[in-house]
């Protein structure tokens, strides 16, 4: 795993590199290394073009070009870029913009000592969000103004990652995104709770998602409501 770190504080960059590489050695992971570090959004773009890392670990507020703007530019050039934000700002606008951009995660710097598992999860195709962010996601996502008109929903679904789902699975996804638990899902869909659990497992497997939180994030990130 080749990683680029970008943070305007050189001490933070050095600390993160130490944490990542030491944790990797302790886990016996010899291929995890930080290949470059930068101090600004401009550095992030230049280093990404130069190194093509597996993951870009990026701060948000920096002098010059901020992290969100840098991520947008990088993702426009390379939509497959895996960008993980690590910041001190638990800001709703930042979180929502990170989701819209297609970032692979949003973590607080207070969790930096546990950064290696997050990096490994991202390389495995997962999205990662800190506990503080997960607690706020339902409210943040529900307030997202980027919504589709109802008549366009089916066409949009067929053009989205949800196209492979059956109508019943799609109805369940919509209710999960509203925050309903298994009992509420069973009541609304007239299923048993066991059937609901089976449907959820099938949906998560089809979409290569880990849990219902990631499912709800994906639903809102693709513009549904």
Protein backbone atom coordinates (compact mmCIF):
# COMPACT_ATOMS: atom_id res chain seq x y z
CA UNK A 1 0.00 0.00 0.00
CA UNK A 2 1.54 3.28 -1.13
CA UNK A 3 0.30 6.32 0.80
CA UNK A 4 0.63 10.07 0.37
CA UNK A 5 0.10 12.34 3.40
CA UNK A 6 -0.90 15.97 2.99
CA UNK A 7 -1.27 18.24 6.02
CA UNK A 8 -0.09 21.80 6.55
CA UNK A 9 1.51 20.84 9.86
CA UNK A 10 4.81 18.99 9.24
CA UNK A 11 4.72 17.54 12.76
CA UNK A 12 1.33 15.95 11.99
CA UNK A 13 2.70 14.46 8.77
CA UNK A 14 5.72 13.02 10.54
CA UNK A 15 3.59 11.65 13.38
CA UNK A 16 1.16 10.02 10.97
CA UNK A 17 3.97 8.44 8.99
CA UNK A 18 5.46 7.03 12.18
CA UNK A 19 2.10 5.67 13.35
CA UNK A 20 1.27 4.09 10.00
CA UNK A 21 4.63 2.47 9.36
CA UNK A 22 5.14 1.30 12.95
CA UNK A 23 1.63 -0.18 13.09
CA UNK A 24 2.22 -1.92 9.76
CA UNK A 25 5.47 -3.49 11.01
CA UNK A 26 3.72 -4.69 14.15
CA UNK A 27 1.07 -6.35 11.97
CA UNK A 28 3.70 -7.88 9.71
CA UNK A 29 2.64 -5.78 6.71
CA UNK A 30 5.83 -5.10 4.80
CA UNK A 31 4.28 -3.36 1.80
CA UNK A 32 2.70 -0.42 3.69
CA UNK A 33 4.71 2.76 3.31
CA UNK A 34 4.37 6.52 3.01
CA UNK A 35 5.91 7.49 -0.32
CA UNK A 36 5.52 11.28 -0.09
CA UNK A 37 4.08 14.08 2.01
CA UNK A 38 2.90 17.61 1.26
CA UNK A 39 1.65 20.76 2.96
CA UNK A 40 -1.12 22.09 0.70
CA UNK A 41 -3.83 21.25 -1.78
CA UNK A 42 -1.47 22.16 -4.60
CA UNK A 43 1.02 19.64 -3.19
CA UNK A 44 -1.72 17.00 -3.03
CA UNK A 45 -2.52 17.37 -6.74
CA UNK A 46 1.13 17.40 -7.83
CA UNK A 47 2.12 14.46 -5.64
CA UNK A 48 -0.89 12.41 -6.68
CA UNK A 49 -0.05 12.90 -10.35
CA UNK A 50 3.57 11.99 -9.69
CA UNK A 51 3.15 9.01 -7.38
CA UNK A 52 -0.31 7.57 -8.21
CA UNK A 53 -0.67 6.27 -4.61
CA UNK A 54 -3.10 3.64 -3.38
CA UNK A 55 -4.47 6.16 -0.86
CA UNK A 56 -4.22 9.91 -0.40
CA UNK A 57 -4.63 10.88 3.26
CA UNK A 58 -5.68 14.52 3.17
CA UNK A 59 -6.35 17.37 5.60
CA UNK A 60 -9.15 19.82 4.77
CA UNK A 61 -8.20 23.31 5.97
CA UNK A 62 -4.78 24.27 4.62
CA UNK A 63 -3.16 27.44 3.35
CA UNK A 64 -3.62 27.94 -0.37
CA UNK A 65 -5.86 25.33 -1.98
CA UNK A 66 -7.94 23.49 0.63
CA UNK A 67 -8.26 19.71 0.80
CA UNK A 68 -11.80 19.52 -0.57
CA UNK A 69 -10.87 21.56 -3.65
CA UNK A 70 -7.76 19.44 -4.18
CA UNK A 71 -9.80 16.24 -3.86
CA UNK A 72 -12.32 17.52 -6.41
CA UNK A 73 -9.55 18.26 -8.91
CA UNK A 74 -7.90 14.88 -8.38
CA UNK A 75 -11.17 12.95 -8.68
CA UNK A 76 -12.03 14.79 -11.90
CA UNK A 77 -8.75 13.55 -13.36
CA UNK A 78 -8.93 10.10 -11.78
CA UNK A 79 -12.38 9.02 -10.52
CA UNK A 80 -10.82 5.86 -9.06
CA UNK A 81 -8.65 7.88 -6.66
CA UNK A 82 -8.99 6.73 -3.05
CA UNK A 83 -9.02 9.81 -0.84
CA UNK A 84 -9.43 9.65 2.93
CA UNK A 85 -9.92 12.90 4.83
CA UNK A 86 -8.30 13.25 8.25
CA UNK A 87 -9.20 16.50 9.98
CA UNK A 88 -10.02 18.26 13.24
CA UNK A 89 -13.22 19.74 11.80
CA UNK A 90 -16.53 18.03 12.56
CA UNK A 91 -18.30 20.36 10.16
CA UNK A 92 -21.55 19.31 8.46
CA UNK A 93 -20.75 21.17 5.25
CA UNK A 94 -17.33 19.53 5.02
CA UNK A 95 -18.74 16.05 5.67
CA UNK A 96 -21.48 16.49 3.09
CA UNK A 97 -19.05 17.81 0.48
CA UNK A 98 -16.70 14.88 1.12
CA UNK A 99 -19.62 12.51 0.50
CA UNK A 100 -20.62 14.30 -2.69
CA UNK A 101 -17.08 14.21 -4.01
CA UNK A 102 -16.87 10.46 -3.51
CA UNK A 103 -14.21 10.40 -0.79
CA UNK A 104 -13.53 7.00 0.74
CA UNK A 105 -13.87 8.27 4.28
CA UNK A 106 -13.78 11.06 6.82
CA UNK A 107 -11.96 10.63 10.12
CA UNK A 108 -11.07 12.87 13.02
CA UNK A 109 -7.40 13.37 13.90
CA UNK A 110 -8.22 12.24 17.42
CA UNK A 111 -8.47 8.73 15.91
CA UNK A 112 -5.08 8.95 14.18
CA UNK A 113 -3.57 6.28 16.44
CA UNK A 114 -5.95 3.78 14.80
CA UNK A 115 -5.43 4.94 11.22
CA UNK A 116 -3.99 1.70 9.82
CA UNK A 117 -7.27 -0.29 10.05
CA UNK A 118 -9.03 2.54 8.22
CA UNK A 119 -6.43 2.50 5.44
CA UNK A 120 -6.73 -1.27 5.10
CA UNK A 121 -10.54 -0.99 4.94
CA UNK A 122 -10.30 1.59 2.14
CA UNK A 123 -7.95 -0.59 0.11
CA UNK A 124 -10.47 -3.43 0.55
CA UNK A 125 -13.13 -1.28 -1.13
CA UNK A 126 -14.90 0.00 1.97
CA UNK A 127 -15.74 3.51 3.09
CA UNK A 128 -14.79 4.52 6.61
CA UNK A 129 -16.23 7.18 8.89
CA UNK A 130 -15.32 8.00 12.45
CA UNK A 131 -17.83 7.35 15.22
CA UNK A 132 -18.48 11.09 15.54
CA UNK A 133 -19.38 11.29 11.86
CA UNK A 134 -21.55 8.15 11.85
CA UNK A 135 -23.62 9.60 14.71
CA UNK A 136 -24.43 12.65 12.58
CA UNK A 137 -24.83 11.04 9.15
CA UNK A 138 -28.60 10.43 9.16
CA UNK A 139 -29.32 14.08 10.00
CA UNK A 140 -26.66 15.45 7.66
CA UNK A 141 -27.74 13.31 4.74
CA UNK A 142 -31.42 14.02 5.27
CA UNK A 143 -30.63 17.72 4.95
CA UNK A 144 -28.84 17.24 1.62
CA UNK A 145 -30.49 19.59 -0.89
CA UNK A 146 -29.24 17.63 -3.90
CA UNK A 147 -32.44 15.71 -4.54
CA UNK A 148 -34.10 14.07 -7.52
CA UNK A 149 -37.66 14.67 -8.62
CA UNK A 150 -39.79 11.53 -7.96
CA UNK A 151 -40.60 10.85 -11.65
CA UNK A 152 -36.89 10.59 -12.38
CA UNK A 153 -36.17 8.13 -9.58
CA UNK A 154 -36.47 4.87 -11.55
CA UNK A 155 -34.33 6.12 -14.41
CA UNK A 156 -31.77 7.37 -11.91
CA UNK A 157 -31.77 4.03 -10.10
CA UNK A 158 -31.08 2.16 -13.32
CA UNK A 159 -28.07 4.40 -13.89
CA UNK A 160 -26.79 3.95 -10.32
CA UNK A 161 -25.06 1.24 -8.30
CA UNK A 162 -28.54 0.09 -7.21
CA UNK A 163 -29.55 -1.06 -10.70
CA UNK A 164 -29.03 -4.74 -9.83
CA UNK A 165 -31.55 -4.68 -6.98
CA UNK A 166 -35.07 -6.04 -7.25
CA UNK A 167 -38.03 -3.75 -6.55
CA UNK A 168 -38.46 -5.29 -3.10
CA UNK A 169 -34.78 -4.81 -2.29
CA UNK A 170 -34.97 -1.20 -3.50
CA UNK A 171 -37.96 -0.49 -1.26
CA UNK A 172 -36.01 -1.87 1.67
CA UNK A 173 -32.98 0.29 0.85
CA UNK A 174 -35.13 3.41 0.84
CA UNK A 175 -36.52 2.60 4.28
CA UNK A 176 -33.06 1.78 5.65
CA UNK A 177 -31.90 5.20 4.46
CA UNK A 178 -34.72 6.71 6.52
CA UNK A 179 -33.22 5.08 9.61
CA UNK A 180 -35.77 2.30 10.15
CA UNK A 181 -34.72 -0.70 12.23
CA UNK A 182 -35.47 -4.33 11.35
CA UNK A 183 -38.76 -4.41 13.22
CA UNK A 184 -40.00 -1.27 11.47
CA UNK A 185 -38.84 -2.62 8.12
CA UNK A 186 -40.72 -5.86 8.72
CA UNK A 187 -43.91 -3.99 9.61
CA UNK A 188 -43.76 -1.65 6.63
CA UNK A 189 -42.86 -4.32 4.08
CA UNK A 190 -45.05 -7.06 5.62
CA UNK A 191 -42.05 -9.37 5.99
CA UNK A 192 -40.79 -11.32 8.96
CA UNK A 193 -37.68 -9.89 10.64
CA UNK A 194 -35.80 -12.96 9.43
CA UNK A 195 -36.74 -12.14 5.85
CA UNK A 196 -35.60 -8.56 6.37
CA UNK A 197 -32.22 -9.77 7.63
CA UNK A 198 -31.87 -12.06 4.62
CA UNK A 199 -32.74 -9.24 2.22
CA UNK A 200 -30.24 -6.93 3.89
CA UNK A 201 -27.50 -9.53 3.64
CA UNK A 202 -28.23 -10.05 -0.05
CA UNK A 203 -28.25 -6.31 -0.76
CA UNK A 204 -24.98 -5.69 1.08
CA UNK A 205 -23.36 -8.57 -0.79
CA UNK A 206 -24.60 -7.31 -4.17
CA UNK A 207 -23.32 -3.81 -3.51
CA UNK A 208 -20.09 -4.89 -1.74
CA UNK A 209 -20.98 -2.81 1.32
CA UNK A 210 -20.22 -3.66 4.92
CA UNK A 211 -23.29 -2.53 6.84
CA UNK A 212 -26.52 -0.53 6.75
CA UNK A 213 -24.71 2.73 7.53
CA UNK A 214 -22.65 2.37 4.37
CA UNK A 215 -25.84 1.48 2.51
CA UNK A 216 -27.53 4.70 3.64
CA UNK A 217 -24.43 6.74 2.79
CA UNK A 218 -24.36 5.27 -0.72
CA UNK A 219 -28.08 5.98 -1.19
CA UNK A 220 -27.76 9.68 -0.36
CA UNK A 221 -24.37 10.08 -2.06
CA UNK A 222 -25.97 9.05 -5.36
CA UNK A 223 -28.58 11.77 -5.01
CA UNK A 224 -31.65 9.85 -3.78
CA UNK A 225 -33.83 10.98 -0.90
